[in-house]
């Protein structure tokens, strides 16, 4: 289990009875968080960086990890951005 998955399970108090339940909950929350991070990142990236991000997103082989790695390389405060978006998302569900 990666750190983000563990953090999501802890933050949202996910205690599934089965792996399928865990995967469904973590995936749903993870997708929402990923979208929030992308939207927030667009406010920070330059136009040229946005074009590179678009090109990356348009590749069939691009993974979520690829996108997050790219954003982290372009946004010095990326870890803080992720933390803030996790907290914002958590606040909307609590």
PDB file of N, CA and C in Angstrom:
ATOM      1  N   UNK A   1       0.842  -1.166   0.000  1.00  0.00           N
ATOM      2  CA  UNK A   1       0.000   0.000   0.000  1.00  0.00           C
ATOM      3  C   UNK A   1       0.897   1.242   0.000  1.00  0.00           C
ATOM      4  N   UNK A   2       0.607   2.199  -0.907  1.00  0.00           N
ATOM      5  CA  UNK A   2       1.435   3.402  -0.953  1.00  0.00           C
ATOM      6  C   UNK A   2       0.992   4.391   0.125  1.00  0.00           C
ATOM      7  N   UNK A   3       1.811   5.413   0.333  1.00  0.00           N
ATOM      8  CA  UNK A   3       1.564   6.370   1.415  1.00  0.00           C
ATOM      9  C   UNK A   3       0.247   7.105   1.233  1.00  0.00           C
ATOM     10  N   UNK A   4      -0.056   7.513   0.005  1.00  0.00           N
ATOM     11  CA  UNK A   4      -1.300   8.251  -0.220  1.00  0.00           C
ATOM     12  C   UNK A   4      -2.508   7.374   0.091  1.00  0.00           C
ATOM     13  N   UNK A   5      -2.471   6.113  -0.303  1.00  0.00           N
ATOM     14  CA  UNK A   5      -3.567   5.188   0.007  1.00  0.00           C
ATOM     15  C   UNK A   5      -3.712   5.039   1.516  1.00  0.00           C
ATOM     16  N   UNK A   6      -2.599   4.868   2.201  1.00  0.00           N
ATOM     17  CA  UNK A   6      -2.634   4.743   3.662  1.00  0.00           C
ATOM     18  C   UNK A   6      -3.188   6.008   4.307  1.00  0.00           C
ATOM     19  N   UNK A   7      -2.776   7.171   3.794  1.00  0.00           N
ATOM     20  CA  UNK A   7      -3.258   8.438   4.337  1.00  0.00           C
ATOM     21  C   UNK A   7      -4.763   8.589   4.114  1.00  0.00           C
ATOM     22  N   UNK A   8      -5.223   8.227   2.927  1.00  0.00           N
ATOM     23  CA  UNK A   8      -6.661   8.309   2.632  1.00  0.00           C
ATOM     24  C   UNK A   8      -7.444   7.402   3.574  1.00  0.00           C
ATOM     25  N   UNK A   9      -6.966   6.180   3.748  1.00  0.00           N
ATOM     26  CA  UNK A   9      -7.665   5.241   4.629  1.00  0.00           C
ATOM     27  C   UNK A   9      -7.704   5.778   6.061  1.00  0.00           C
ATOM     28  N   UNK A  10      -6.619   6.386   6.500  1.00  0.00           N
ATOM     29  CA  UNK A  10      -6.563   6.938   7.859  1.00  0.00           C
ATOM     30  C   UNK A  10      -7.453   8.172   7.977  1.00  0.00           C
ATOM     31  N   UNK A  11      -7.300   9.119   7.043  1.00  0.00           N
ATOM     32  CA  UNK A  11      -8.046  10.375   7.097  1.00  0.00           C
ATOM     33  C   UNK A  11      -9.557  10.150   7.072  1.00  0.00           C
ATOM     34  N   UNK A  12      -9.997   9.239   6.209  1.00  0.00           N
ATOM     35  CA  UNK A  12     -11.426   9.002   6.043  1.00  0.00           C
ATOM     36  C   UNK A  12     -11.926   7.813   6.873  1.00  0.00           C
ATOM     37  N   UNK A  13     -11.053   7.300   7.729  1.00  0.00           N
ATOM     38  CA  UNK A  13     -11.418   6.199   8.623  1.00  0.00           C
ATOM     39  C   UNK A  13     -12.060   5.038   7.853  1.00  0.00           C
ATOM     40  N   UNK A  14     -11.375   4.606   6.803  1.00  0.00           N
ATOM     41  CA  UNK A  14     -11.873   3.507   5.976  1.00  0.00           C
ATOM     42  C   UNK A  14     -11.395   2.189   6.583  1.00  0.00           C
ATOM     43  N   UNK A  15     -12.333   1.392   7.024  1.00  0.00           N
ATOM     44  CA  UNK A  15     -12.048   0.074   7.585  1.00  0.00           C
ATOM     45  C   UNK A  15     -12.913  -0.947   6.848  1.00  0.00           C
ATOM     46  N   UNK A  16     -12.549  -1.284   5.646  1.00  0.00           N
ATOM     47  CA  UNK A  16     -13.391  -2.164   4.830  1.00  0.00           C
ATOM     48  C   UNK A  16     -13.350  -3.610   5.311  1.00  0.00           C
ATOM     49  N   UNK A  17     -14.421  -4.302   4.991  1.00  0.00           N
ATOM     50  CA  UNK A  17     -14.478  -5.727   5.312  1.00  0.00           C
ATOM     51  C   UNK A  17     -13.754  -6.555   4.251  1.00  0.00           C
ATOM     52  N   UNK A  18     -13.669  -6.015   3.043  1.00  0.00           N
ATOM     53  CA  UNK A  18     -13.006  -6.740   1.959  1.00  0.00           C
ATOM     54  C   UNK A  18     -12.056  -5.810   1.216  1.00  0.00           C
ATOM     55  N   UNK A  19     -11.132  -6.405   0.480  1.00  0.00           N
ATOM     56  CA  UNK A  19     -10.223  -5.597  -0.339  1.00  0.00           C
ATOM     57  C   UNK A  19     -10.984  -4.845  -1.415  1.00  0.00           C
ATOM     58  N   UNK A  20     -12.038  -5.434  -1.947  1.00  0.00           N
ATOM     59  CA  UNK A  20     -12.828  -4.774  -2.988  1.00  0.00           C
ATOM     60  C   UNK A  20     -13.466  -3.496  -2.449  1.00  0.00           C
ATOM     61  N   UNK A  21     -13.996  -3.566  -1.222  1.00  0.00           N
ATOM     62  CA  UNK A  21     -14.581  -2.370  -0.609  1.00  0.00           C
ATOM     63  C   UNK A  21     -13.520  -1.298  -0.397  1.00  0.00           C
ATOM     64  N   UNK A  22     -12.352  -1.709   0.093  1.00  0.00           N
ATOM     65  CA  UNK A  22     -11.256  -0.767   0.324  1.00  0.00           C
ATOM     66  C   UNK A  22     -10.851  -0.120  -0.988  1.00  0.00           C
ATOM     67  N   UNK A  23     -10.664  -0.915  -1.998  1.00  0.00           N
ATOM     68  CA  UNK A  23     -10.226  -0.394  -3.289  1.00  0.00           C
ATOM     69  C   UNK A  23     -11.242   0.585  -3.867  1.00  0.00           C
ATOM     70  N   UNK A  24     -12.524   0.280  -3.742  1.00  0.00           N
ATOM     71  CA  UNK A  24     -13.563   1.156  -4.282  1.00  0.00           C
ATOM     72  C   UNK A  24     -13.578   2.498  -3.561  1.00  0.00           C
ATOM     73  N   UNK A  25     -13.509   2.483  -2.243  1.00  0.00           N
ATOM     74  CA  UNK A  25     -13.519   3.720  -1.461  1.00  0.00           C
ATOM     75  C   UNK A  25     -12.269   4.559  -1.717  1.00  0.00           C
ATOM     76  N   UNK A  26     -11.124   3.925  -1.661  1.00  0.00           N
ATOM     77  CA  UNK A  26      -9.865   4.646  -1.867  1.00  0.00           C
ATOM     78  C   UNK A  26      -9.818   5.202  -3.287  1.00  0.00           C
ATOM     79  N   UNK A  27     -10.277   4.446  -4.273  1.00  0.00           N
ATOM     80  CA  UNK A  27     -10.280   4.904  -5.661  1.00  0.00           C
ATOM     81  C   UNK A  27     -11.183   6.120  -5.826  1.00  0.00           C
ATOM     82  N   UNK A  28     -12.358   6.073  -5.241  1.00  0.00           N
ATOM     83  CA  UNK A  28     -13.306   7.189  -5.350  1.00  0.00           C
ATOM     84  C   UNK A  28     -12.713   8.457  -4.739  1.00  0.00           C
ATOM     85  N   UNK A  29     -12.181   8.351  -3.546  1.00  0.00           N
ATOM     86  CA  UNK A  29     -11.591   9.514  -2.879  1.00  0.00           C
ATOM     87  C   UNK A  29     -10.331   9.959  -3.611  1.00  0.00           C
ATOM     88  N   UNK A  30      -9.514   9.011  -4.036  1.00  0.00           N
ATOM     89  CA  UNK A  30      -8.284   9.335  -4.758  1.00  0.00           C
ATOM     90  C   UNK A  30      -8.548  10.077  -6.050  1.00  0.00           C
ATOM     91  N   UNK A  31      -9.583   9.670  -6.779  1.00  0.00           N
ATOM     92  CA  UNK A  31      -9.920  10.352  -8.033  1.00  0.00           C
ATOM     93  C   UNK A  31     -10.369  11.786  -7.783  1.00  0.00           C
ATOM     94  N   UNK A  32     -11.154  11.971  -6.746  1.00  0.00           N
ATOM     95  CA  UNK A  32     -11.616  13.317  -6.400  1.00  0.00           C
ATOM     96  C   UNK A  32     -10.436  14.196  -6.000  1.00  0.00           C
ATOM     97  N   UNK A  33      -9.540  13.644  -5.211  1.00  0.00           N
ATOM     98  CA  UNK A  33      -8.348  14.384  -4.787  1.00  0.00           C
ATOM     99  C   UNK A  33      -7.459  14.714  -5.985  1.00  0.00           C
ATOM    100  N   UNK A  34      -7.258  13.750  -6.873  1.00  0.00           N
ATOM    101  CA  UNK A  34      -6.446  13.943  -8.081  1.00  0.00           C
ATOM    102  C   UNK A  34      -7.011  15.094  -8.919  1.00  0.00           C
ATOM    103  N   UNK A  35      -8.322  15.115  -9.110  1.00  0.00           N
ATOM    104  CA  UNK A  35      -8.954  16.176  -9.890  1.00  0.00           C
ATOM    105  C   UNK A  35      -8.758  17.537  -9.222  1.00  0.00           C
ATOM    106  N   UNK A  36      -8.885  17.577  -7.900  1.00  0.00           N
ATOM    107  CA  UNK A  36      -8.700  18.839  -7.182  1.00  0.00           C
ATOM    108  C   UNK A  36      -7.260  19.338  -7.330  1.00  0.00           C
ATOM    109  N   UNK A  37      -6.308  18.412  -7.268  1.00  0.00           N
ATOM    110  CA  UNK A  37      -4.895  18.770  -7.422  1.00  0.00           C
ATOM    111  C   UNK A  37      -4.641  19.307  -8.830  1.00  0.00           C
ATOM    112  N   UNK A  38      -5.214  18.665  -9.835  1.00  0.00           N
ATOM    113  CA  UNK A  38      -5.037  19.136 -11.214  1.00  0.00           C
ATOM    114  C   UNK A  38      -5.590  20.544 -11.401  1.00  0.00           C
ATOM    115  N   UNK A  39      -6.787  20.778 -10.895  1.00  0.00           N
ATOM    116  CA  UNK A  39      -7.410  22.100 -11.039  1.00  0.00           C
ATOM    117  C   UNK A  39      -6.563  23.170 -10.354  1.00  0.00           C
ATOM    118  N   UNK A  40      -6.139  22.893  -9.136  1.00  0.00           N
ATOM    119  CA  UNK A  40      -5.327  23.854  -8.389  1.00  0.00           C
ATOM    120  C   UNK A  40      -3.987  24.099  -9.095  1.00  0.00           C
ATOM    121  N   UNK A  41      -3.414  23.045  -9.648  1.00  0.00           N
ATOM    122  CA  UNK A  41      -2.124  23.158 -10.339  1.00  0.00           C
ATOM    123  C   UNK A  41      -2.213  24.051 -11.564  1.00  0.00           C
ATOM    124  N   UNK A  42      -3.344  24.031 -12.246  1.00  0.00           N
ATOM    125  CA  UNK A  42      -3.507  24.854 -13.440  1.00  0.00           C
ATOM    126  C   UNK A  42      -3.419  26.341 -13.120  1.00  0.00           C
ATOM    127  N   UNK A  43      -3.789  26.720 -11.904  1.00  0.00           N
ATOM    128  CA  UNK A  43      -3.673  28.116 -11.478  1.00  0.00           C
ATOM    129  C   UNK A  43      -2.219  28.527 -11.266  1.00  0.00           C
ATOM    130  N   UNK A  44      -1.342  27.548 -11.073  1.00  0.00           N
ATOM    131  CA  UNK A  44       0.055  27.816 -10.725  1.00  0.00           C
ATOM    132  C   UNK A  44       0.987  27.696 -11.928  1.00  0.00           C
ATOM    133  N   UNK A  45       0.724  26.740 -12.795  1.00  0.00           N
ATOM    134  CA  UNK A  45       1.617  26.475 -13.927  1.00  0.00           C
ATOM    135  C   UNK A  45       1.616  27.608 -14.940  1.00  0.00           C
ATOM    136  N   UNK A  46       2.755  27.783 -15.584  1.00  0.00           N
ATOM    137  CA  UNK A  46       2.843  28.744 -16.686  1.00  0.00           C
ATOM    138  C   UNK A  46       2.119  28.146 -17.902  1.00  0.00           C
ATOM    139  N   UNK A  47       1.912  28.966 -18.903  1.00  0.00           N
ATOM    140  CA  UNK A  47       1.237  28.487 -20.117  1.00  0.00           C
ATOM    141  C   UNK A  47       2.041  27.362 -20.781  1.00  0.00           C
ATOM    142  N   UNK A  48       3.350  27.528 -20.820  1.00  0.00           N
ATOM    143  CA  UNK A  48       4.214  26.507 -21.423  1.00  0.00           C
ATOM    144  C   UNK A  48       4.144  25.199 -20.626  1.00  0.00           C
ATOM    145  N   UNK A  49       4.133  25.313 -19.299  1.00  0.00           N
ATOM    146  CA  UNK A  49       4.035  24.113 -18.458  1.00  0.00           C
ATOM    147  C   UNK A  49       2.671  23.440 -18.617  1.00  0.00           C
ATOM    148  N   UNK A  50       1.617  24.243 -18.787  1.00  0.00           N
ATOM    149  CA  UNK A  50       0.288  23.683 -19.031  1.00  0.00           C
ATOM    150  C   UNK A  50       0.266  22.895 -20.335  1.00  0.00           C
ATOM    151  N   UNK A  51       0.943  23.419 -21.345  1.00  0.00           N
ATOM    152  CA  UNK A  51       1.018  22.713 -22.630  1.00  0.00           C
ATOM    153  C   UNK A  51       1.729  21.375 -22.468  1.00  0.00           C
ATOM    154  N   UNK A  52       2.798  21.358 -21.685  1.00  0.00           N
ATOM    155  CA  UNK A  52       3.512  20.101 -21.426  1.00  0.00           C
ATOM    156  C   UNK A  52       2.632  19.132 -20.648  1.00  0.00           C
ATOM    157  N   UNK A  53       1.882  19.652 -19.692  1.00  0.00           N
ATOM    158  CA  UNK A  53       0.963  18.810 -18.928  1.00  0.00           C
ATOM    159  C   UNK A  53      -0.116  18.232 -19.844  1.00  0.00           C
ATOM    160  N   UNK A  54      -0.671  19.061 -20.715  1.00  0.00           N
ATOM    161  CA  UNK A  54      -1.675  18.575 -21.668  1.00  0.00           C
ATOM    162  C   UNK A  54      -1.116  17.455 -22.541  1.00  0.00           C
ATOM    163  N   UNK A  55       0.105  17.638 -23.018  1.00  0.00           N
ATOM    164  CA  UNK A  55       0.737  16.612 -23.851  1.00  0.00           C
ATOM    165  C   UNK A  55       0.917  15.325 -23.060  1.00  0.00           C
ATOM    166  N   UNK A  56       1.309  15.450 -21.812  1.00  0.00           N
ATOM    167  CA  UNK A  56       1.475  14.281 -20.948  1.00  0.00           C
ATOM    168  C   UNK A  56       0.137  13.577 -20.732  1.00  0.00           C
ATOM    169  N   UNK A  57      -0.895  14.352 -20.455  1.00  0.00           N
ATOM    170  CA  UNK A  57      -2.221  13.775 -20.209  1.00  0.00           C
ATOM    171  C   UNK A  57      -2.806  13.114 -21.456  1.00  0.00           C
ATOM    172  N   UNK A  58      -2.393  13.567 -22.624  1.00  0.00           N
ATOM    173  CA  UNK A  58      -2.924  13.012 -23.869  1.00  0.00           C
ATOM    174  C   UNK A  58      -2.258  11.702 -24.292  1.00  0.00           C
ATOM    175  N   UNK A  59      -1.176  11.337 -23.619  1.00  0.00           N
ATOM    176  CA  UNK A  59      -0.517  10.066 -23.924  1.00  0.00           C
ATOM    177  C   UNK A  59      -1.299   8.921 -23.289  1.00  0.00           C
ATOM    178  N   UNK A  60      -1.502   7.862 -24.027  1.00  0.00           N
ATOM    179  CA  UNK A  60      -2.222   6.699 -23.506  1.00  0.00           C
ATOM    180  C   UNK A  60      -1.464   5.987 -22.397  1.00  0.00           C
ATOM    181  N   UNK A  61      -0.163   6.142 -22.358  1.00  0.00           N
ATOM    182  CA  UNK A  61       0.660   5.413 -21.395  1.00  0.00           C
ATOM    183  C   UNK A  61       0.892   6.181 -20.091  1.00  0.00           C
ATOM    184  N   UNK A  62       0.387   7.411 -20.002  1.00  0.00           N
ATOM    185  CA  UNK A  62       0.608   8.237 -18.817  1.00  0.00           C
ATOM    186  C   UNK A  62      -0.196   7.710 -17.636  1.00  0.00           C
ATOM    187  N   UNK A  63       0.471   7.606 -16.493  1.00  0.00           N
ATOM    188  CA  UNK A  63      -0.190   7.169 -15.264  1.00  0.00           C
ATOM    189  C   UNK A  63      -0.407   8.361 -14.332  1.00  0.00           C
ATOM    190  N   UNK A  64      -1.200   8.165 -13.319  1.00  0.00           N
ATOM    191  CA  UNK A  64      -1.403   9.196 -12.309  1.00  0.00           C
ATOM    192  C   UNK A  64      -0.058   9.570 -11.686  1.00  0.00           C
ATOM    193  N   UNK A  65       0.757   8.566 -11.427  1.00  0.00           N
ATOM    194  CA  UNK A  65       2.076   8.808 -10.842  1.00  0.00           C
ATOM    195  C   UNK A  65       2.923   9.694 -11.742  1.00  0.00           C
ATOM    196  N   UNK A  66       2.835   9.490 -13.067  1.00  0.00           N
ATOM    197  CA  UNK A  66       3.575  10.327 -14.020  1.00  0.00           C
ATOM    198  C   UNK A  66       3.146  11.794 -13.899  1.00  0.00           C
ATOM    199  N   UNK A  67       1.847  12.008 -13.814  1.00  0.00           N
ATOM    200  CA  UNK A  67       1.318  13.369 -13.731  1.00  0.00           C
ATOM    201  C   UNK A  67       1.737  14.023 -12.419  1.00  0.00           C
ATOM    202  N   UNK A  68       1.609  13.291 -11.323  1.00  0.00           N
ATOM    203  CA  UNK A  68       1.989  13.856 -10.031  1.00  0.00           C
ATOM    204  C   UNK A  68       3.483  14.158  -9.975  1.00  0.00           C
ATOM    205  N   UNK A  69       4.289  13.296 -10.565  1.00  0.00           N
ATOM    206  CA  UNK A  69       5.740  13.535 -10.617  1.00  0.00           C
ATOM    207  C   UNK A  69       6.042  14.804 -11.418  1.00  0.00           C
ATOM    208  N   UNK A  70       5.359  14.973 -12.543  1.00  0.00           N
ATOM    209  CA  UNK A  70       5.540  16.166 -13.360  1.00  0.00           C
ATOM    210  C   UNK A  70       5.167  17.418 -12.564  1.00  0.00           C
ATOM    211  N   UNK A  71       4.000  17.387 -11.929  1.00  0.00           N
ATOM    212  CA  UNK A  71       3.545  18.545 -11.165  1.00  0.00           C
ATOM    213  C   UNK A  71       4.505  18.867 -10.030  1.00  0.00           C
ATOM    214  N   UNK A  72       4.991  17.833  -9.364  1.00  0.00           N
ATOM    215  CA  UNK A  72       5.934  18.048  -8.262  1.00  0.00           C
ATOM    216  C   UNK A  72       7.224  18.694  -8.772  1.00  0.00           C
ATOM    217  N   UNK A  73       7.637  18.357  -9.981  1.00  0.00           N
ATOM    218  CA  UNK A  73       8.865  18.929 -10.538  1.00  0.00           C
ATOM    219  C   UNK A  73       8.682  20.390 -10.954  1.00  0.00           C
ATOM    220  N   UNK A  74       7.439  20.805 -11.175  1.00  0.00           N
ATOM    221  CA  UNK A  74       7.169  22.170 -11.644  1.00  0.00           C
ATOM    222  C   UNK A  74       6.667  23.109 -10.547  1.00  0.00           C
ATOM    223  N   UNK A  75       6.132  22.545  -9.467  1.00  0.00           N
ATOM    224  CA  UNK A  75       5.540  23.357  -8.409  1.00  0.00           C
ATOM    225  C   UNK A  75       6.336  23.148  -7.120  1.00  0.00           C
ATOM    226  N   UNK A  76       7.119  24.134  -6.718  1.00  0.00           N
ATOM    227  CA  UNK A  76       7.961  23.972  -5.528  1.00  0.00           C
ATOM    228  C   UNK A  76       7.179  23.646  -4.259  1.00  0.00           C
ATOM    229  N   UNK A  77       5.953  24.124  -4.176  1.00  0.00           N
ATOM    230  CA  UNK A  77       5.135  23.901  -2.981  1.00  0.00           C
ATOM    231  C   UNK A  77       4.108  22.783  -3.199  1.00  0.00           C
ATOM    232  N   UNK A  78       4.432  21.844  -4.069  1.00  0.00           N
ATOM    233  CA  UNK A  78       3.470  20.795  -4.435  1.00  0.00           C
ATOM    234  C   UNK A  78       3.016  19.972  -3.235  1.00  0.00           C
ATOM    235  N   UNK A  79       3.931  19.599  -2.360  1.00  0.00           N
ATOM    236  CA  UNK A  79       3.539  18.793  -1.195  1.00  0.00           C
ATOM    237  C   UNK A  79       2.542  19.549  -0.319  1.00  0.00           C
ATOM    238  N   UNK A  80       2.735  20.838  -0.167  1.00  0.00           N
ATOM    239  CA  UNK A  80       1.802  21.657   0.592  1.00  0.00           C
ATOM    240  C   UNK A  80       0.445  21.731  -0.116  1.00  0.00           C
ATOM    241  N   UNK A  81       0.473  21.874  -1.430  1.00  0.00           N
ATOM    242  CA  UNK A  81      -0.756  21.902  -2.221  1.00  0.00           C
ATOM    243  C   UNK A  81      -1.549  20.620  -2.000  1.00  0.00           C
ATOM    244  N   UNK A  82      -0.882  19.470  -2.064  1.00  0.00           N
ATOM    245  CA  UNK A  82      -1.541  18.179  -1.866  1.00  0.00           C
ATOM    246  C   UNK A  82      -2.132  18.103  -0.459  1.00  0.00           C
ATOM    247  N   UNK A  83      -1.372  18.535   0.516  1.00  0.00           N
ATOM    248  CA  UNK A  83      -1.852  18.512   1.908  1.00  0.00           C
ATOM    249  C   UNK A  83      -3.099  19.377   2.058  1.00  0.00           C
ATOM    250  N   UNK A  84      -3.065  20.573   1.492  1.00  0.00           N
ATOM    251  CA  UNK A  84      -4.208  21.474   1.581  1.00  0.00           C
ATOM    252  C   UNK A  84      -5.433  20.895   0.887  1.00  0.00           C
ATOM    253  N   UNK A  85      -5.246  20.289  -0.274  1.00  0.00           N
ATOM    254  CA  UNK A  85      -6.376  19.709  -0.998  1.00  0.00           C
ATOM    255  C   UNK A  85      -6.949  18.499  -0.260  1.00  0.00           C
ATOM    256  N   UNK A  86      -6.076  17.707   0.378  1.00  0.00           N
ATOM    257  CA  UNK A  86      -6.560  16.591   1.212  1.00  0.00           C
ATOM    258  C   UNK A  86      -7.417  17.120   2.351  1.00  0.00           C
ATOM    259  N   UNK A  87      -6.927  18.172   3.008  1.00  0.00           N
ATOM    260  CA  UNK A  87      -7.661  18.758   4.125  1.00  0.00           C
ATOM    261  C   UNK A  87      -8.987  19.365   3.666  1.00  0.00           C
ATOM    262  N   UNK A  88      -8.979  20.051   2.522  1.00  0.00           N
ATOM    263  CA  UNK A  88     -10.205  20.638   1.980  1.00  0.00           C
ATOM    264  C   UNK A  88     -11.228  19.554   1.648  1.00  0.00           C
ATOM    265  N   UNK A  89     -10.757  18.494   1.023  1.00  0.00           N
ATOM    266  CA  UNK A  89     -11.657  17.399   0.661  1.00  0.00           C
ATOM    267  C   UNK A  89     -12.201  16.709   1.908  1.00  0.00           C
ATOM    268  N   UNK A  90     -11.344  16.486   2.862  1.00  0.00           N
ATOM    269  CA  UNK A  90     -11.764  15.858   4.107  1.00  0.00           C
ATOM    270  C   UNK A  90     -12.819  16.710   4.813  1.00  0.00           C
ATOM    271  N   UNK A  91     -12.629  18.025   4.811  1.00  0.00           N
ATOM    272  CA  UNK A  91     -13.573  18.925   5.467  1.00  0.00           C
ATOM    273  C   UNK A  91     -14.957  18.879   4.816  1.00  0.00           C
ATOM    274  N   UNK A  92     -15.007  18.604   3.522  1.00  0.00           N
ATOM    275  CA  UNK A  92     -16.300  18.544   2.838  1.00  0.00           C
ATOM    276  C   UNK A  92     -17.052  17.257   3.149  1.00  0.00           C
ATOM    277  N   UNK A  93     -16.334  16.226   3.576  1.00  0.00           N
ATOM    278  CA  UNK A  93     -16.974  14.947   3.867  1.00  0.00           C
ATOM    279  C   UNK A  93     -17.293  14.760   5.346  1.00  0.00           C
ATOM    280  N   UNK A  94     -16.713  15.593   6.190  1.00  0.00           N
ATOM    281  CA  UNK A  94     -16.891  15.409   7.634  1.00  0.00           C
ATOM    282  C   UNK A  94     -17.996  16.284   8.155  1.00  0.00           C
TER     283      UNK A  94
END
